């Protein structure tokens, strides 16, 4: 109840950004203009003070929220509505975002609605040509950002830098950049001296991408495992990114440890009930080495969840190297730093999302 009251209170504080009334047009705002170079190398002219924004496409509102500029949003895309915990930046701002007018759907813009709101700037996950076309069509400055699927990749850090400049939140952008780079270095330091041949082999099942998947849903280059140098068997397939694997290959590999994405558990348990012999043929299943991953991919990578998953996987695979990590404290630290959300782990646990061993019985 206290968490709910706090959430509503914060929403009221952000009421200006949640209002459905049109924002002042860019040309009506007092002050000078400025230019910056966006994430696609384009030179964009925008007001000195950005007071309103509409975000277009995957990641645009997420990174705006990481920077604490979500109160400037005057509209949202359809897929930001009714968010679940798999999309924390939307979930923890749901009272505000759900009240905003719709300005698009997964990158497709509702031009008339945007023009009615008259935002100072659009932040858009678009290539350079598409950003130019949108800017020309609407007559509103468009700051383009590049898509990213990792936790620490260059596109993510560039997006923080560019949007920090857009919103005059350079210090916040640097704080987040430093935090992510420090976490990357910490994870690497903990695992760098572990011999490759002594690392357990790992399979991740139930990975979410373009919807939920069962045990066959896995991923090469799975970000939480890559961050800790784990032996992800999916990397041996020659594939990249998420895909469905022939589960007979998993039997052949017989991984030492299996991680399961919560979003795929209903499908996995349904399949287990129909074909228990397949699962029980896996040593990790028989010996109870199944562990949780909280899905981090919802409209691309939610970095705070992927980072938490990486630390948890480290505690499972390399317990000595991660002996000092308390996952509840680490989870709360990550969410407090990246989203300003306190006691996040308790809120996830209340909905059944916890780090720990998994079972296949329903």
Protein backbone atom coordinates (compact mmCIF):
# COMPACT_ATOMS: atom_id res chain seq x y z
CA UNK A 1 0.00 0.00 0.00
CA UNK A 2 2.85 2.42 0.85
CA UNK A 3 4.49 1.69 -2.50
CA UNK A 4 1.23 2.41 -4.31
CA UNK A 5 0.76 5.71 -2.46
CA UNK A 6 4.36 6.71 -3.25
CA UNK A 7 3.87 5.88 -6.92
CA UNK A 8 0.73 8.01 -7.10
CA UNK A 9 2.50 10.86 -5.31
CA UNK A 10 5.40 10.77 -7.76
CA UNK A 11 2.95 10.75 -10.62
CA UNK A 12 1.35 13.92 -9.29
CA UNK A 13 4.76 15.53 -9.13
CA UNK A 14 5.19 14.70 -12.82
CA UNK A 15 1.73 15.97 -13.74
CA UNK A 16 3.06 18.57 -16.13
CA UNK A 17 4.56 15.87 -18.33
CA UNK A 18 1.44 13.72 -18.07
CA UNK A 19 -1.01 16.38 -19.14
CA UNK A 20 -2.84 15.74 -22.39
CA UNK A 21 -3.02 19.43 -23.33
CA UNK A 22 -0.80 20.65 -26.19
CA UNK A 23 2.71 21.79 -25.30
CA UNK A 24 3.95 25.20 -26.41
CA UNK A 25 5.18 25.07 -29.98
CA UNK A 26 8.95 25.17 -30.37
CA UNK A 27 8.80 28.49 -32.20
CA UNK A 28 6.77 29.99 -29.36
CA UNK A 29 9.33 29.11 -26.68
CA UNK A 30 11.51 31.91 -25.45
CA UNK A 31 15.27 31.60 -25.83
CA UNK A 32 17.81 30.77 -28.47
CA UNK A 33 18.27 27.65 -30.54
CA UNK A 34 21.28 25.37 -30.51
CA UNK A 35 22.66 22.56 -32.63
CA UNK A 36 23.86 19.11 -31.69
CA UNK A 37 24.98 15.93 -33.40
CA UNK A 38 22.57 13.06 -32.83
CA UNK A 39 23.12 9.30 -32.62
CA UNK A 40 23.03 8.98 -36.42
CA UNK A 41 25.58 11.73 -37.03
CA UNK A 42 22.96 14.27 -38.10
CA UNK A 43 23.16 17.94 -37.13
CA UNK A 44 19.90 18.98 -35.48
CA UNK A 45 18.74 22.46 -34.49
CA UNK A 46 16.45 22.57 -31.47
CA UNK A 47 15.35 25.04 -28.77
CA UNK A 48 17.87 25.94 -26.11
CA UNK A 49 15.40 24.69 -23.49
CA UNK A 50 13.44 21.57 -24.40
CA UNK A 51 10.17 21.62 -22.49
CA UNK A 52 8.25 18.86 -24.26
CA UNK A 53 9.09 15.69 -26.16
CA UNK A 54 7.45 12.85 -28.03
CA UNK A 55 9.44 9.63 -28.26
CA UNK A 56 9.26 7.42 -31.35
CA UNK A 57 10.27 3.78 -31.58
CA UNK A 58 12.01 1.26 -29.36
CA UNK A 59 14.27 2.67 -26.66
CA UNK A 60 13.50 6.36 -27.12
CA UNK A 61 11.24 6.72 -24.08
CA UNK A 62 13.31 4.17 -22.12
CA UNK A 63 16.49 6.25 -22.34
CA UNK A 64 14.54 9.45 -21.79
CA UNK A 65 13.29 7.87 -18.56
CA UNK A 66 16.78 6.70 -17.53
CA UNK A 67 17.80 10.35 -17.74
CA UNK A 68 14.88 11.43 -15.56
CA UNK A 69 13.24 13.41 -18.37
CA UNK A 70 10.02 11.40 -18.59
CA UNK A 71 8.11 14.37 -17.15
CA UNK A 72 8.68 16.14 -20.49
CA UNK A 73 6.75 13.50 -22.45
CA UNK A 74 3.44 14.79 -23.78
CA UNK A 75 2.44 11.61 -25.62
CA UNK A 76 3.32 7.92 -25.75
CA UNK A 77 3.16 5.03 -28.17
CA UNK A 78 0.56 2.30 -27.78
CA UNK A 79 3.05 -0.28 -26.54
CA UNK A 80 3.98 1.89 -23.55
CA UNK A 81 0.48 1.39 -22.17
CA UNK A 82 -0.44 -1.38 -19.68
CA UNK A 83 3.21 -2.24 -19.08
CA UNK A 84 4.36 -5.26 -17.07
CA UNK A 85 7.43 -5.69 -14.88
CA UNK A 86 9.33 -6.94 -17.95
CA UNK A 87 9.37 -3.30 -19.07
CA UNK A 88 10.22 -1.47 -15.85
CA UNK A 89 10.63 2.08 -17.16
CA UNK A 90 7.02 1.98 -18.37
CA UNK A 91 5.70 -0.06 -15.46
CA UNK A 92 6.97 2.28 -12.77
CA UNK A 93 5.60 5.31 -14.67
CA UNK A 94 2.37 3.62 -15.71
CA UNK A 95 -0.03 6.02 -13.99
CA UNK A 96 1.51 8.87 -15.97
CA UNK A 97 2.15 7.13 -19.28
CA UNK A 98 -1.28 5.51 -19.40
CA UNK A 99 -2.87 8.97 -19.08
CA UNK A 100 -0.98 10.51 -22.01
CA UNK A 101 -2.44 10.72 -25.53
CA UNK A 102 -1.29 8.18 -28.09
CA UNK A 103 1.22 9.48 -30.61
CA UNK A 104 2.19 6.26 -32.38
CA UNK A 105 2.54 2.51 -32.29
CA UNK A 106 5.95 0.80 -32.18
CA UNK A 107 7.65 3.43 -34.35
CA UNK A 108 4.68 4.24 -36.59
CA UNK A 109 3.81 7.88 -35.91
CA UNK A 110 0.34 9.37 -35.57
CA UNK A 111 1.24 12.60 -37.30
CA UNK A 112 -1.94 14.56 -36.62
CA UNK A 113 -1.79 13.78 -32.92
CA UNK A 114 1.86 14.82 -32.72
CA UNK A 115 1.18 18.07 -34.56
CA UNK A 116 -1.70 18.83 -32.18
CA UNK A 117 0.63 18.41 -29.19
CA UNK A 118 3.39 20.53 -30.78
CA UNK A 119 6.37 19.07 -28.88
CA UNK A 120 9.69 20.92 -28.96
CA UNK A 121 11.51 17.81 -30.18
CA UNK A 122 11.02 14.21 -31.25
CA UNK A 123 13.45 11.57 -30.01
CA UNK A 124 13.32 8.69 -32.46
CA UNK A 125 14.95 5.30 -32.99
CA UNK A 126 15.31 5.82 -36.74
CA UNK A 127 18.02 5.71 -39.36
CA UNK A 128 19.27 9.05 -40.67
CA UNK A 129 17.09 9.14 -43.79
CA UNK A 130 13.91 8.21 -41.91
CA UNK A 131 14.69 10.85 -39.28
CA UNK A 132 15.15 13.46 -42.03
CA UNK A 133 11.86 12.43 -43.61
CA UNK A 134 9.97 12.66 -40.31
CA UNK A 135 11.49 16.04 -39.50
CA UNK A 136 10.59 17.37 -42.94
CA UNK A 137 7.06 16.00 -42.76
CA UNK A 138 6.21 17.42 -39.32
CA UNK A 139 8.44 20.48 -39.14
CA UNK A 140 9.64 19.42 -35.68
CA UNK A 141 13.31 18.75 -34.82
CA UNK A 142 14.05 15.01 -34.75
CA UNK A 143 16.94 13.68 -32.66
CA UNK A 144 17.72 10.17 -33.88
CA UNK A 145 19.19 7.46 -31.68
CA UNK A 146 20.69 4.13 -32.72
CA UNK A 147 19.13 0.81 -31.74
CA UNK A 148 20.93 -1.35 -29.19
CA UNK A 149 20.38 -4.78 -27.67
CA UNK A 150 23.25 -4.93 -25.19
CA UNK A 151 23.88 -3.63 -21.69
CA UNK A 152 27.12 -1.75 -22.22
CA UNK A 153 27.34 -1.34 -25.99
CA UNK A 154 28.49 1.84 -27.66
CA UNK A 155 25.04 2.75 -28.98
CA UNK A 156 23.63 2.74 -25.44
CA UNK A 157 26.37 5.02 -24.14
CA UNK A 158 26.07 7.34 -27.14
CA UNK A 159 22.30 7.57 -26.60
CA UNK A 160 22.86 8.62 -22.99
CA UNK A 161 25.34 11.27 -24.09
CA UNK A 162 23.12 12.66 -26.88
CA UNK A 163 19.93 12.76 -24.82
CA UNK A 164 21.81 14.20 -21.87
CA UNK A 165 22.66 17.11 -24.16
CA UNK A 166 19.10 17.35 -25.52
CA UNK A 167 17.57 17.64 -22.04
CA UNK A 168 20.48 19.49 -20.41
CA UNK A 169 21.00 16.49 -18.16
CA UNK A 170 24.68 16.00 -18.91
CA UNK A 171 25.57 15.20 -15.30
CA UNK A 172 22.89 12.52 -15.12
CA UNK A 173 24.08 11.04 -18.41
CA UNK A 174 27.64 10.88 -17.08
CA UNK A 175 26.44 9.31 -13.81
CA UNK A 176 24.67 6.53 -15.70
CA UNK A 177 27.59 6.02 -18.07
CA UNK A 178 30.01 5.72 -15.17
CA UNK A 179 27.69 3.33 -13.36
CA UNK A 180 27.33 1.03 -16.36
CA UNK A 181 31.04 1.05 -17.16
CA UNK A 182 31.90 0.38 -13.50
CA UNK A 183 29.48 -2.57 -13.48
CA UNK A 184 30.99 -3.90 -16.69
CA UNK A 185 34.47 -3.70 -15.19
CA UNK A 186 33.31 -5.30 -11.93
CA UNK A 187 31.75 -8.28 -13.72
CA UNK A 188 34.84 -8.74 -15.87
CA UNK A 189 37.19 -8.47 -12.88
CA UNK A 190 35.31 -11.13 -10.94
CA UNK A 191 35.52 -13.68 -13.75
CA UNK A 192 38.69 -12.86 -15.66
CA UNK A 193 40.90 -15.34 -13.81
CA UNK A 194 38.52 -18.30 -13.99
CA UNK A 195 39.99 -20.85 -16.45
CA UNK A 196 37.71 -21.47 -19.41
CA UNK A 197 37.92 -25.22 -19.00
CA UNK A 198 36.63 -25.01 -15.44
CA UNK A 199 33.55 -22.98 -16.30
CA UNK A 200 30.22 -24.87 -16.34
CA UNK A 201 28.39 -25.06 -19.64
CA UNK A 202 25.11 -23.14 -19.74
CA UNK A 203 21.84 -23.21 -21.67
CA UNK A 204 19.20 -20.47 -21.40
CA UNK A 205 15.63 -21.47 -22.28
CA UNK A 206 12.33 -19.63 -22.56
CA UNK A 207 14.02 -16.46 -23.83
CA UNK A 208 11.55 -13.76 -24.82
CA UNK A 209 11.74 -12.17 -28.27
CA UNK A 210 8.80 -11.07 -30.34
CA UNK A 211 6.62 -12.75 -27.74
CA UNK A 212 7.05 -15.63 -25.31
CA UNK A 213 8.82 -18.88 -26.19
CA UNK A 214 9.16 -22.26 -24.56
CA UNK A 215 12.30 -24.25 -23.78
CA UNK A 216 13.43 -23.95 -27.41
CA UNK A 217 13.71 -20.15 -27.16
CA UNK A 218 17.37 -19.32 -26.55
CA UNK A 219 19.93 -16.71 -27.53
CA UNK A 220 23.47 -16.52 -28.84
CA UNK A 221 25.32 -13.61 -27.29
CA UNK A 222 22.85 -13.57 -24.39
CA UNK A 223 23.87 -10.32 -22.70
CA UNK A 224 23.89 -11.40 -19.01
CA UNK A 225 26.08 -14.44 -19.78
CA UNK A 226 28.34 -12.49 -22.13
CA UNK A 227 28.93 -9.93 -19.37
CA UNK A 228 30.40 -12.61 -17.09
CA UNK A 229 32.25 -14.60 -19.75
CA UNK A 230 30.02 -17.66 -19.29
CA UNK A 231 30.06 -20.65 -21.64
CA UNK A 232 26.75 -20.12 -23.43
CA UNK A 233 26.19 -23.21 -25.56
CA UNK A 234 23.97 -21.26 -27.97
CA UNK A 235 27.11 -19.39 -29.03
CA UNK A 236 28.35 -22.61 -30.64
CA UNK A 237 25.53 -22.68 -33.19
CA UNK A 238 26.78 -19.90 -35.45
CA UNK A 239 23.54 -18.02 -34.80
CA UNK A 240 23.30 -14.48 -33.47
CA UNK A 241 20.66 -13.06 -31.18
CA UNK A 242 17.53 -14.91 -30.04
CA UNK A 243 16.25 -17.93 -31.97
CA UNK A 244 14.45 -21.26 -31.55
CA UNK A 245 16.76 -24.24 -31.30
CA UNK A 246 16.14 -27.91 -32.03
CA UNK A 247 15.82 -29.17 -28.46
CA UNK A 248 17.50 -32.45 -29.41
CA UNK A 249 20.68 -30.38 -29.60
CA UNK A 250 20.21 -29.39 -25.96
CA UNK A 251 20.02 -33.09 -25.07
CA UNK A 252 23.27 -33.67 -26.96
CA UNK A 253 24.95 -30.81 -25.12
CA UNK A 254 23.53 -31.85 -21.73
CA UNK A 255 24.46 -28.50 -20.13
CA UNK A 256 25.79 -28.30 -16.60
CA UNK A 257 23.43 -25.46 -15.69
CA UNK A 258 20.14 -24.29 -17.21
CA UNK A 259 18.65 -20.84 -16.76
CA UNK A 260 14.96 -20.31 -17.52
CA UNK A 261 13.28 -17.03 -18.42
CA UNK A 262 10.18 -16.42 -16.29
CA UNK A 263 8.22 -15.27 -19.33
CA UNK A 264 8.55 -18.70 -20.91
CA UNK A 265 7.70 -20.75 -17.83
CA UNK A 266 4.03 -21.36 -18.61
CA UNK A 267 4.98 -22.84 -21.98
CA UNK A 268 7.88 -24.81 -20.51
CA UNK A 269 5.76 -26.31 -17.75
CA UNK A 270 3.01 -27.15 -20.21
CA UNK A 271 5.54 -28.97 -22.38
CA UNK A 272 7.09 -30.69 -19.36
CA UNK A 273 3.69 -32.09 -18.40
CA UNK A 274 3.33 -33.49 -21.93
CA UNK A 275 6.90 -34.78 -22.35
CA UNK A 276 8.57 -35.24 -18.95
CA UNK A 277 11.02 -37.85 -20.25
CA UNK A 278 12.74 -35.29 -22.46
CA UNK A 279 13.42 -32.93 -19.58
CA UNK A 280 14.34 -35.66 -17.12
CA UNK A 281 16.99 -36.88 -19.54
CA UNK A 282 18.89 -33.65 -18.85
CA UNK A 283 21.38 -33.90 -16.01
CA UNK A 284 20.70 -30.33 -14.87
CA UNK A 285 17.00 -31.14 -14.49
CA UNK A 286 17.60 -34.39 -12.58
CA UNK A 287 20.13 -32.75 -10.26
CA UNK A 288 18.19 -29.53 -9.70
CA UNK A 289 20.45 -27.08 -11.48
CA UNK A 290 17.69 -24.94 -12.96
CA UNK A 291 17.78 -21.23 -12.14
CA UNK A 292 15.74 -18.12 -12.83
CA UNK A 293 16.27 -15.23 -15.19
CA UNK A 294 13.88 -12.29 -15.08
CA UNK A 295 13.05 -11.40 -18.67
CA UNK A 296 14.88 -8.25 -19.71
CA UNK A 297 13.76 -8.09 -23.33
CA UNK A 298 10.55 -6.18 -23.80
CA UNK A 299 10.76 -3.75 -26.71
CA UNK A 300 14.51 -4.51 -26.82
CA UNK A 301 16.84 -4.65 -23.83
CA UNK A 302 15.92 -3.19 -20.46
CA UNK A 303 19.44 -2.64 -19.18
CA UNK A 304 18.60 -2.64 -15.47
CA UNK A 305 17.06 -6.12 -15.65
CA UNK A 306 19.81 -7.50 -17.90
CA UNK A 307 22.41 -6.22 -15.45
CA UNK A 308 20.63 -7.82 -12.50
CA UNK A 309 20.39 -11.10 -14.45
CA UNK A 310 24.13 -10.97 -15.09
CA UNK A 311 24.94 -10.60 -11.40
CA UNK A 312 22.57 -13.41 -10.48
CA UNK A 313 24.02 -15.73 -13.11
CA UNK A 314 27.45 -14.94 -11.68
CA UNK A 315 26.38 -15.98 -8.18
CA UNK A 316 25.16 -19.30 -9.60
CA UNK A 317 28.04 -20.12 -11.94
CA UNK A 318 30.95 -18.68 -9.95
CA UNK A 319 29.81 -18.58 -6.30
CA UNK A 320 33.26 -17.82 -4.89
CA UNK A 321 33.80 -14.85 -7.19
CA UNK A 322 30.37 -13.43 -6.30
CA UNK A 323 30.29 -14.46 -2.64
CA UNK A 324 29.92 -10.86 -1.48
CA UNK A 325 26.91 -10.12 -3.70
CA UNK A 326 23.51 -10.02 -2.01
CA UNK A 327 21.11 -10.16 -4.95
CA UNK A 328 18.28 -8.30 -3.27
CA UNK A 329 20.63 -5.44 -2.38
CA UNK A 330 22.24 -5.46 -5.82
CA UNK A 331 18.85 -5.46 -7.56
CA UNK A 332 17.68 -2.51 -5.47
CA UNK A 333 20.93 -0.63 -6.10
CA UNK A 334 20.58 -1.07 -9.87
CA UNK A 335 16.97 0.08 -9.95
CA UNK A 336 17.57 2.99 -7.62
CA UNK A 337 20.47 4.20 -9.76
CA UNK A 338 18.92 3.69 -13.17
CA UNK A 339 15.24 4.39 -12.56
CA UNK A 340 15.03 6.08 -9.17
CA UNK A 341 12.84 3.21 -7.94
CA UNK A 342 13.30 2.09 -4.33
CA UNK A 343 12.65 -1.40 -2.93
CA UNK A 344 12.28 -2.77 -6.44
CA UNK A 345 13.13 -6.37 -5.58
CA UNK A 346 10.24 -6.60 -3.11
CA UNK A 347 7.89 -5.35 -5.81
CA UNK A 348 9.11 -8.00 -8.25
CA UNK A 349 8.96 -10.71 -5.58
CA UNK A 350 5.38 -9.76 -4.78
CA UNK A 351 4.49 -10.76 -8.35
CA UNK A 352 6.47 -14.00 -8.22
CA UNK A 353 9.71 -12.83 -9.87
CA UNK A 354 12.60 -13.87 -7.66
CA UNK A 355 16.15 -15.06 -8.24
CA UNK A 356 16.54 -18.66 -7.19
CA UNK A 357 16.16 -22.30 -8.22
CA UNK A 358 13.34 -23.18 -10.59
CA UNK A 359 11.12 -26.26 -10.84
CA UNK A 360 9.27 -27.63 -13.85
CA UNK A 361 6.22 -28.84 -11.99
CA UNK A 362 3.28 -26.47 -12.32
